[in-house]
Amino acid sequence: RRKELARIPATTIMQEEWASGFAGSIDRMRIVMLASSLAPLRHCIVSEHLDGSRKKARPQPASRFVVAMTLKLRSKDADAVALVQGSAMRLRSHFDASTVFRAASDDEDARSCVPEEVRESLGWIVKDLRDDWRGCVLVASTFASLVGKQEEEEDAVDFSEPRDADVASEEARLVIRAIERLGLDSCWEWRPMLDGPKMMEVLGMEKPGKELGLAMRRAAGWQYRFPDGTEEELVKWIKADQGQQQQQQQ
């Protein structure tokens, strides 16, 4: 079993990174190794209850089912594995070779290399994953090349011959470096620039509602696009965005 695990690139990478303190706790390492080893199941869905009953169940990722039902691990771990796998597939769609190499280079302005909408999407991915985001990048690198590959090519990957660990590790390090240089590496810790009452004041709202929640989410997305932005800039953008939406509704 140890020899089989050694064939999984993420296992080799995580052993090195964990030893250096980069990858976090042993729990983080376990989640990444499970997500990587169950990679062939990442497109599969299971529609059965975990207790084996035949009642209609909500579909769930096959990897989550295996971790919870077969391996009998905690639901928290099963959810984390499914989240890492799903986020890894989203992450792979955001980079091409030129973008990641430029964004990771100290000679380039990372934010000028990555489109605003991609910066926002990366922010949401990191926010959802929290401390698992670096491990997610490692998992993504084991699926197939992180840069310059399309999903249909990925589906043809032969998992009986795993990717070279050194190549996967180098790609993962570049993507991690790019995300760090974008200033998104701890974005889940950020406080909103505008709280609920301030946002209501900016929007001219008398009471909270669905529109307030949507505005708060758009404001968070703006912060992921512009981590160094100011409250004044955000307020200006919100008002312009509000005006644009009102015009579209007319």
C-alpha atoms as a PDB file:
ATOM      1  CA  ARG A   1       0.000   0.000   0.000  1.00  0.00           C
ATOM      2  CA  ARG A   2       2.863   2.381   0.776  1.00  0.00           C
ATOM      3  CA  LYS A   3       4.402   1.627  -2.636  1.00  0.00           C
ATOM      4  CA  GLU A   4       1.052   2.408  -4.323  1.00  0.00           C
ATOM      5  CA  LEU A   5       0.755   5.713  -2.466  1.00  0.00           C
ATOM      6  CA  ALA A   6       4.258   6.652  -3.563  1.00  0.00           C
ATOM      7  CA  ARG A   7       3.025   6.557  -7.170  1.00  0.00           C
ATOM      8  CA  ILE A   8       0.594   9.427  -6.485  1.00  0.00           C
ATOM      9  CA  PRO A   9       2.357  12.750  -7.216  1.00  0.00           C
ATOM     10  CA  ALA A  10       0.453  14.632  -4.524  1.00  0.00           C
ATOM     11  CA  THR A  11       1.596  12.077  -1.936  1.00  0.00           C
ATOM     12  CA  THR A  12       5.258  12.645  -2.783  1.00  0.00           C
ATOM     13  CA  ILE A  13       4.796  16.407  -2.921  1.00  0.00           C
ATOM     14  CA  MET A  14       2.827  16.588   0.316  1.00  0.00           C
ATOM     15  CA  GLN A  15       5.376  14.498   2.211  1.00  0.00           C
ATOM     16  CA  GLU A  16       8.052  17.026   1.259  1.00  0.00           C
ATOM     17  CA  GLU A  17       5.876  20.075   1.892  1.00  0.00           C
ATOM     18  CA  TRP A  18       4.511  18.782   5.183  1.00  0.00           C
ATOM     19  CA  ALA A  19       8.034  18.023   6.429  1.00  0.00           C
ATOM     20  CA  SER A  20       8.972  21.654   5.721  1.00  0.00           C
ATOM     21  CA  GLY A  21       5.858  22.992   7.444  1.00  0.00           C
ATOM     22  CA  PHE A  22       4.421  24.372   4.191  1.00  0.00           C
ATOM     23  CA  ALA A  23       1.387  22.124   3.805  1.00  0.00           C
ATOM     24  CA  GLY A  24      -0.025  22.476   7.307  1.00  0.00           C
ATOM     25  CA  SER A  25      -1.217  19.751   9.657  1.00  0.00           C
ATOM     26  CA  ILE A  26      -1.386  15.989   9.155  1.00  0.00           C
ATOM     27  CA  ASP A  27      -5.154  16.412   8.734  1.00  0.00           C
ATOM     28  CA  ARG A  28      -4.567  18.690   5.743  1.00  0.00           C
ATOM     29  CA  MET A  29      -2.166  16.135   4.284  1.00  0.00           C
ATOM     30  CA  ARG A  30      -4.738  13.358   4.672  1.00  0.00           C
ATOM     31  CA  ILE A  31      -7.423  15.357   2.837  1.00  0.00           C
ATOM     32  CA  VAL A  32      -5.086  16.118  -0.080  1.00  0.00           C
ATOM     33  CA  MET A  33      -3.915  12.512  -0.390  1.00  0.00           C
ATOM     34  CA  LEU A  34      -7.512  11.253  -0.403  1.00  0.00           C
ATOM     35  CA  ALA A  35      -8.614  13.828  -2.972  1.00  0.00           C
ATOM     36  CA  SER A  36      -5.692  12.928  -5.223  1.00  0.00           C
ATOM     37  CA  SER A  37      -6.044   9.155  -4.923  1.00  0.00           C
ATOM     38  CA  LEU A  38      -9.785   9.385  -5.693  1.00  0.00           C
ATOM     39  CA  ALA A  39      -9.198  11.651  -8.705  1.00  0.00           C
ATOM     40  CA  PRO A  40     -10.585   9.102 -11.232  1.00  0.00           C
ATOM     41  CA  LEU A  41     -13.975   9.438  -9.497  1.00  0.00           C
ATOM     42  CA  ARG A  42     -14.107  13.223  -9.678  1.00  0.00           C
ATOM     43  CA  HIS A  43     -16.789  13.288 -12.402  1.00  0.00           C
ATOM     44  CA  CYS A  44     -18.926  10.544 -10.788  1.00  0.00           C
ATOM     45  CA  ILE A  45     -22.103  11.111  -8.777  1.00  0.00           C
ATOM     46  CA  VAL A  46     -23.734   8.721  -6.295  1.00  0.00           C
ATOM     47  CA  SER A  47     -27.484   8.820  -5.565  1.00  0.00           C
ATOM     48  CA  GLU A  48     -27.701   6.551  -2.529  1.00  0.00           C
ATOM     49  CA  HIS A  49     -28.031   7.134   1.185  1.00  0.00           C
ATOM     50  CA  LEU A  50     -24.922   6.608   3.279  1.00  0.00           C
ATOM     51  CA  ASP A  51     -26.890   4.182   5.474  1.00  0.00           C
ATOM     52  CA  GLY A  52     -27.641   1.950   2.479  1.00  0.00           C
ATOM     53  CA  SER A  53     -31.389   2.601   2.455  1.00  0.00           C
ATOM     54  CA  ARG A  54     -33.254   2.763  -0.840  1.00  0.00           C
ATOM     55  CA  LYS A  55     -34.958   6.056  -0.103  1.00  0.00           C
ATOM     56  CA  LYS A  56     -34.449   8.801  -2.621  1.00  0.00           C
ATOM     57  CA  ALA A  57     -31.255  10.640  -1.734  1.00  0.00           C
ATOM     58  CA  ARG A  58     -29.647  13.877  -2.766  1.00  0.00           C
ATOM     59  CA  PRO A  59     -26.885  13.190  -5.343  1.00  0.00           C
ATOM     60  CA  GLN A  60     -23.367  13.593  -3.989  1.00  0.00           C
ATOM     61  CA  PRO A  61     -19.832  13.306  -5.381  1.00  0.00           C
ATOM     62  CA  ALA A  62     -18.615   9.715  -5.496  1.00  0.00           C
ATOM     63  CA  SER A  63     -15.435  10.700  -3.656  1.00  0.00           C
ATOM     64  CA  ARG A  64     -17.515  11.951  -0.730  1.00  0.00           C
ATOM     65  CA  PHE A  65     -19.507   8.701  -0.678  1.00  0.00           C
ATOM     66  CA  VAL A  66     -16.325   6.593  -0.634  1.00  0.00           C
ATOM     67  CA  VAL A  67     -14.685   8.592   2.159  1.00  0.00           C
ATOM     68  CA  ALA A  68     -17.785   8.564   4.365  1.00  0.00           C
ATOM     69  CA  MET A  69     -19.291   5.149   3.564  1.00  0.00           C
ATOM     70  CA  THR A  70     -16.359   2.923   2.617  1.00  0.00           C
ATOM     71  CA  LEU A  71     -13.520   4.438   4.629  1.00  0.00           C
ATOM     72  CA  LYS A  72     -15.883   5.401   7.483  1.00  0.00           C
ATOM     73  CA  LEU A  73     -14.224   8.759   8.048  1.00  0.00           C
ATOM     74  CA  ARG A  74     -15.930  11.847   9.437  1.00  0.00           C
ATOM     75  CA  SER A  75     -18.530  13.675   7.354  1.00  0.00           C
ATOM     76  CA  LYS A  76     -16.325  16.738   7.774  1.00  0.00           C
ATOM     77  CA  ASP A  77     -13.463  14.916   6.037  1.00  0.00           C
ATOM     78  CA  ALA A  78     -15.754  13.605   3.286  1.00  0.00           C
ATOM     79  CA  ASP A  79     -17.033  17.131   2.619  1.00  0.00           C
ATOM     80  CA  ALA A  80     -13.474  18.494   2.556  1.00  0.00           C
ATOM     81  CA  VAL A  81     -12.315  15.885   0.029  1.00  0.00           C
ATOM     82  CA  ALA A  82     -15.266  16.622  -2.271  1.00  0.00           C
ATOM     83  CA  LEU A  83     -14.685  20.371  -1.962  1.00  0.00           C
ATOM     84  CA  VAL A  84     -10.975  20.050  -2.771  1.00  0.00           C
ATOM     85  CA  GLN A  85     -11.695  17.906  -5.837  1.00  0.00           C
ATOM     86  CA  GLY A  86     -14.417  20.218  -7.151  1.00  0.00           C
ATOM     87  CA  SER A  87     -12.320  23.313  -6.542  1.00  0.00           C
ATOM     88  CA  ALA A  88      -9.294  21.689  -8.208  1.00  0.00           C
ATOM     89  CA  MET A  89     -11.279  21.267 -11.419  1.00  0.00           C
ATOM     90  CA  ARG A  90     -12.403  24.907 -11.261  1.00  0.00           C
ATOM     91  CA  LEU A  91      -8.851  26.020 -10.548  1.00  0.00           C
ATOM     92  CA  ARG A  92      -7.454  24.267 -13.610  1.00  0.00           C
ATOM     93  CA  SER A  93      -9.672  26.299 -15.917  1.00  0.00           C
ATOM     94  CA  HIS A  94      -8.128  29.608 -14.826  1.00  0.00           C
ATOM     95  CA  PHE A  95      -4.551  29.311 -16.025  1.00  0.00           C
ATOM     96  CA  ASP A  96      -2.685  28.990 -19.260  1.00  0.00           C
ATOM     97  CA  ALA A  97       1.091  28.671 -19.473  1.00  0.00           C
ATOM     98  CA  SER A  98       1.871  32.320 -20.215  1.00  0.00           C
ATOM     99  CA  THR A  99      -0.485  33.633 -17.508  1.00  0.00           C
ATOM    100  CA  VAL A 100       0.834  31.503 -14.672  1.00  0.00           C
ATOM    101  CA  PHE A 101       4.509  32.015 -15.512  1.00  0.00           C
ATOM    102  CA  ARG A 102       4.090  35.790 -15.765  1.00  0.00           C
ATOM    103  CA  ALA A 103       1.946  36.058 -12.635  1.00  0.00           C
ATOM    104  CA  ALA A 104       4.460  34.021 -10.633  1.00  0.00           C
ATOM    105  CA  SER A 105       7.424  36.098 -11.812  1.00  0.00           C
ATOM    106  CA  ASP A 106       8.798  38.867  -9.586  1.00  0.00           C
ATOM    107  CA  ASP A 107       9.522  40.813 -12.773  1.00  0.00           C
ATOM    108  CA  GLU A 108       5.819  41.173 -13.602  1.00  0.00           C
ATOM    109  CA  ASP A 109       2.821  42.856 -11.986  1.00  0.00           C
ATOM    110  CA  ALA A 110       0.728  39.782 -11.201  1.00  0.00           C
ATOM    111  CA  ARG A 111      -2.617  41.601 -11.316  1.00  0.00           C
ATOM    112  CA  SER A 112      -1.946  42.998 -14.772  1.00  0.00           C
ATOM    113  CA  CYS A 113      -1.324  39.441 -15.998  1.00  0.00           C
ATOM    114  CA  VAL A 114      -4.586  37.955 -14.713  1.00  0.00           C
ATOM    115  CA  PRO A 115      -8.032  39.236 -15.848  1.00  0.00           C
ATOM    116  CA  GLU A 116     -10.255  40.798 -13.180  1.00  0.00           C
ATOM    117  CA  GLU A 117     -12.935  38.108 -13.431  1.00  0.00           C
ATOM    118  CA  VAL A 118     -10.307  35.384 -12.956  1.00  0.00           C
ATOM    119  CA  ARG A 119      -8.907  37.157  -9.890  1.00  0.00           C
ATOM    120  CA  GLU A 120     -12.397  37.279  -8.407  1.00  0.00           C
ATOM    121  CA  SER A 121     -13.058  33.601  -9.156  1.00  0.00           C
ATOM    122  CA  LEU A 122      -9.731  32.617  -7.583  1.00  0.00           C
ATOM    123  CA  GLY A 123     -10.664  34.665  -4.523  1.00  0.00           C
ATOM    124  CA  TRP A 124     -13.899  32.733  -4.075  1.00  0.00           C
ATOM    125  CA  ILE A 125     -12.076  29.417  -4.499  1.00  0.00           C
ATOM    126  CA  VAL A 126      -9.471  30.315  -1.860  1.00  0.00           C
ATOM    127  CA  LYS A 127     -12.175  31.660   0.474  1.00  0.00           C
ATOM    128  CA  ASP A 128     -14.157  28.409   0.263  1.00  0.00           C
ATOM    129  CA  LEU A 129     -11.084  26.211   0.780  1.00  0.00           C
ATOM    130  CA  ARG A 130      -9.440  28.326   3.482  1.00  0.00           C
ATOM    131  CA  ASP A 131      -6.326  26.475   4.729  1.00  0.00           C
ATOM    132  CA  ASP A 132      -6.815  23.702   2.153  1.00  0.00           C
ATOM    133  CA  TRP A 133      -6.258  25.930  -0.889  1.00  0.00           C
ATOM    134  CA  ARG A 134      -2.563  25.097  -1.339  1.00  0.00           C
ATOM    135  CA  GLY A 135      -3.350  21.412  -1.067  1.00  0.00           C
ATOM    136  CA  CYS A 136      -6.065  21.901  -3.681  1.00  0.00           C
ATOM    137  CA  VAL A 137      -3.463  23.258  -6.103  1.00  0.00           C
ATOM    138  CA  LEU A 138      -1.351  20.146  -5.519  1.00  0.00           C
ATOM    139  CA  VAL A 139      -4.362  17.925  -6.216  1.00  0.00           C
ATOM    140  CA  ALA A 140      -5.157  19.865  -9.390  1.00  0.00           C
ATOM    141  CA  SER A 141      -1.597  19.292 -10.613  1.00  0.00           C
ATOM    142  CA  THR A 142      -2.082  15.510 -10.375  1.00  0.00           C
ATOM    143  CA  PHE A 143      -5.176  15.505 -12.621  1.00  0.00           C
ATOM    144  CA  ALA A 144      -3.116  16.624 -15.615  1.00  0.00           C
ATOM    145  CA  SER A 145      -1.123  19.708 -16.515  1.00  0.00           C
ATOM    146  CA  LEU A 146      -2.328  22.765 -14.619  1.00  0.00           C
ATOM    147  CA  VAL A 147      -1.529  24.984 -17.582  1.00  0.00           C
ATOM    148  CA  GLY A 148      -2.554  24.787 -21.204  1.00  0.00           C
ATOM    149  CA  LYS A 149      -4.810  21.703 -20.960  1.00  0.00           C
ATOM    150  CA  GLN A 150      -8.499  21.430 -21.790  1.00  0.00           C
ATOM    151  CA  GLU A 151     -11.029  19.295 -19.922  1.00  0.00           C
ATOM    152  CA  GLU A 152     -11.504  16.887 -22.818  1.00  0.00           C
ATOM    153  CA  GLU A 153      -7.755  16.208 -22.820  1.00  0.00           C
ATOM    154  CA  GLU A 154      -7.838  15.700 -19.087  1.00  0.00           C
ATOM    155  CA  ASP A 155     -10.491  12.993 -19.405  1.00  0.00           C
ATOM    156  CA  ALA A 156      -8.068  10.973 -21.509  1.00  0.00           C
ATOM    157  CA  VAL A 157      -5.374  10.911 -18.807  1.00  0.00           C
ATOM    158  CA  ASP A 158      -4.136   7.407 -18.012  1.00  0.00           C
ATOM    159  CA  PHE A 159      -4.117   7.181 -14.222  1.00  0.00           C
ATOM    160  CA  SER A 160      -2.217   3.894 -14.328  1.00  0.00           C
ATOM    161  CA  GLU A 161       0.800   6.028 -15.241  1.00  0.00           C
ATOM    162  CA  PRO A 162       0.698   9.033 -12.857  1.00  0.00           C
ATOM    163  CA  ARG A 163       2.317  12.321 -13.801  1.00  0.00           C
ATOM    164  CA  ASP A 164       5.927  12.911 -12.920  1.00  0.00           C
ATOM    165  CA  ALA A 165       5.947  14.244  -9.342  1.00  0.00           C
ATOM    166  CA  ASP A 166       8.687  16.788 -10.060  1.00  0.00           C
ATOM    167  CA  VAL A 167       6.774  18.276 -12.992  1.00  0.00           C
ATOM    168  CA  ALA A 168       3.504  18.367 -11.056  1.00  0.00           C
ATOM    169  CA  SER A 169       5.241  19.906  -8.054  1.00  0.00           C
ATOM    170  CA  GLU A 170       6.846  22.659 -10.109  1.00  0.00           C
ATOM    171  CA  GLU A 171       3.554  23.579 -11.775  1.00  0.00           C
ATOM    172  CA  ALA A 172       1.796  23.614  -8.404  1.00  0.00           C
ATOM    173  CA  ARG A 173       4.460  25.866  -6.886  1.00  0.00           C
ATOM    174  CA  LEU A 174       4.102  28.340  -9.755  1.00  0.00           C
ATOM    175  CA  VAL A 175       0.322  28.517  -9.365  1.00  0.00           C
ATOM    176  CA  ILE A 176       0.643  28.891  -5.593  1.00  0.00           C
ATOM    177  CA  ARG A 177       3.167  31.668  -6.097  1.00  0.00           C
ATOM    178  CA  ALA A 178       0.858  33.380  -8.596  1.00  0.00           C
ATOM    179  CA  ILE A 179      -2.078  33.325  -6.147  1.00  0.00           C
ATOM    180  CA  GLU A 180       0.135  34.662  -3.371  1.00  0.00           C
ATOM    181  CA  ARG A 181       1.353  37.500  -5.603  1.00  0.00           C
ATOM    182  CA  LEU A 182      -2.275  38.330  -6.405  1.00  0.00           C
ATOM    183  CA  GLY A 183      -2.701  38.932  -2.665  1.00  0.00           C
ATOM    184  CA  LEU A 184      -5.408  36.270  -2.267  1.00  0.00           C
ATOM    185  CA  ASP A 185      -3.567  33.716  -0.122  1.00  0.00           C
ATOM    186  CA  SER A 186      -5.501  34.543   3.097  1.00  0.00           C
ATOM    187  CA  CYS A 187      -8.574  36.290   1.690  1.00  0.00           C
ATOM    188  CA  TRP A 188     -11.005  34.305   3.855  1.00  0.00           C
ATOM    189  CA  GLU A 189      -9.690  36.321   6.819  1.00  0.00           C
ATOM    190  CA  TRP A 190     -10.603  39.679   5.283  1.00  0.00           C
ATOM    191  CA  ARG A 191     -13.293  41.784   6.859  1.00  0.00           C
ATOM    192  CA  PRO A 192     -15.804  43.444   4.509  1.00  0.00           C
ATOM    193  CA  MET A 193     -14.851  47.043   3.748  1.00  0.00           C
ATOM    194  CA  LEU A 194     -18.504  47.950   4.174  1.00  0.00           C
ATOM    195  CA  ASP A 195     -20.728  46.311   6.777  1.00  0.00           C
ATOM    196  CA  GLY A 196     -24.481  45.918   6.346  1.00  0.00           C
ATOM    197  CA  PRO A 197     -25.539  49.352   7.673  1.00  0.00           C
ATOM    198  CA  LYS A 198     -22.881  51.165   5.627  1.00  0.00           C
ATOM    199  CA  MET A 199     -23.880  49.282   2.504  1.00  0.00           C
ATOM    200  CA  MET A 200     -27.538  50.194   3.076  1.00  0.00           C
ATOM    201  CA  GLU A 201     -26.523  53.830   3.397  1.00  0.00           C
ATOM    202  CA  VAL A 202     -24.542  53.723   0.158  1.00  0.00           C
ATOM    203  CA  LEU A 203     -27.424  52.074  -1.698  1.00  0.00           C
ATOM    204  CA  GLY A 204     -30.082  54.282  -0.111  1.00  0.00           C
ATOM    205  CA  MET A 205     -31.915  51.277   1.356  1.00  0.00           C
ATOM    206  CA  GLU A 206     -34.346  51.705   4.248  1.00  0.00           C
ATOM    207  CA  LYS A 207     -34.348  48.058   5.357  1.00  0.00           C
ATOM    208  CA  PRO A 208     -32.250  44.974   4.598  1.00  0.00           C
ATOM    209  CA  GLY A 209     -33.334  42.408   2.051  1.00  0.00           C
ATOM    210  CA  LYS A 210     -32.183  40.174  -0.780  1.00  0.00           C
ATOM    211  CA  GLU A 211     -30.644  43.115  -2.627  1.00  0.00           C
ATOM    212  CA  LEU A 212     -28.405  43.843   0.347  1.00  0.00           C
ATOM    213  CA  GLY A 213     -27.032  40.296   0.340  1.00  0.00           C
ATOM    214  CA  LEU A 214     -26.317  40.473  -3.377  1.00  0.00           C
ATOM    215  CA  ALA A 215     -24.599  43.842  -2.960  1.00  0.00           C
ATOM    216  CA  MET A 216     -22.422  42.490  -0.144  1.00  0.00           C
ATOM    217  CA  ARG A 217     -21.370  39.571  -2.353  1.00  0.00           C
ATOM    218  CA  ARG A 218     -20.534  41.880  -5.263  1.00  0.00           C
ATOM    219  CA  ALA A 219     -18.487  44.042  -2.886  1.00  0.00           C
ATOM    220  CA  ALA A 220     -16.569  40.967  -1.705  1.00  0.00           C
ATOM    221  CA  GLY A 221     -15.891  40.044  -5.331  1.00  0.00           C
ATOM    222  CA  TRP A 222     -14.558  43.549  -5.961  1.00  0.00           C
ATOM    223  CA  GLN A 223     -12.138  43.133  -3.040  1.00  0.00           C
ATOM    224  CA  TYR A 224     -10.818  39.922  -4.604  1.00  0.00           C
ATOM    225  CA  ARG A 225     -10.240  41.804  -7.834  1.00  0.00           C
ATOM    226  CA  PHE A 226      -8.550  44.724  -6.070  1.00  0.00           C
ATOM    227  CA  PRO A 227      -7.047  43.589  -2.730  1.00  0.00           C
ATOM    228  CA  ASP A 228      -5.325  46.964  -2.301  1.00  0.00           C
ATOM    229  CA  GLY A 229      -8.459  48.954  -3.122  1.00  0.00           C
ATOM    230  CA  THR A 230      -9.813  51.565  -0.717  1.00  0.00           C
ATOM    231  CA  GLU A 231     -13.253  51.988   0.790  1.00  0.00           C
ATOM    232  CA  GLU A 232     -13.711  55.173  -1.215  1.00  0.00           C
ATOM    233  CA  GLU A 233     -12.972  53.316  -4.463  1.00  0.00           C
ATOM    234  CA  LEU A 234     -15.382  50.540  -3.489  1.00  0.00           C
ATOM    235  CA  VAL A 235     -18.191  53.008  -2.734  1.00  0.00           C
ATOM    236  CA  LYS A 236     -17.646  54.689  -6.097  1.00  0.00           C
ATOM    237  CA  TRP A 237     -17.769  51.322  -7.870  1.00  0.00           C
ATOM    238  CA  ILE A 238     -20.918  50.229  -5.998  1.00  0.00           C
ATOM    239  CA  LYS A 239     -22.781  53.392  -6.982  1.00  0.00           C
ATOM    240  CA  ALA A 240     -21.709  53.019 -10.606  1.00  0.00           C
ATOM    241  CA  ASP A 241     -22.731  49.356 -10.559  1.00  0.00           C
ATOM    242  CA  GLN A 242     -26.091  50.242  -9.011  1.00  0.00           C
ATOM    243  CA  GLY A 243     -26.717  52.846 -11.708  1.00  0.00           C
ATOM    244  CA  GLN A 244     -25.830  50.363 -14.444  1.00  0.00           C
ATOM    245  CA  GLN A 245     -28.225  47.763 -13.048  1.00  0.00           C
ATOM    246  CA  GLN A 246     -31.054  50.284 -12.795  1.00  0.00           C
ATOM    247  CA  GLN A 247     -30.536  51.220 -16.455  1.00  0.00           C
ATOM    248  CA  GLN A 248     -30.695  47.575 -17.492  1.00  0.00           C
ATOM    249  CA  GLN A 249     -33.972  47.107 -15.607  1.00  0.00           C
ATOM    250  CA  GLN A 250     -35.629  50.065 -17.365  1.00  0.00           C
END
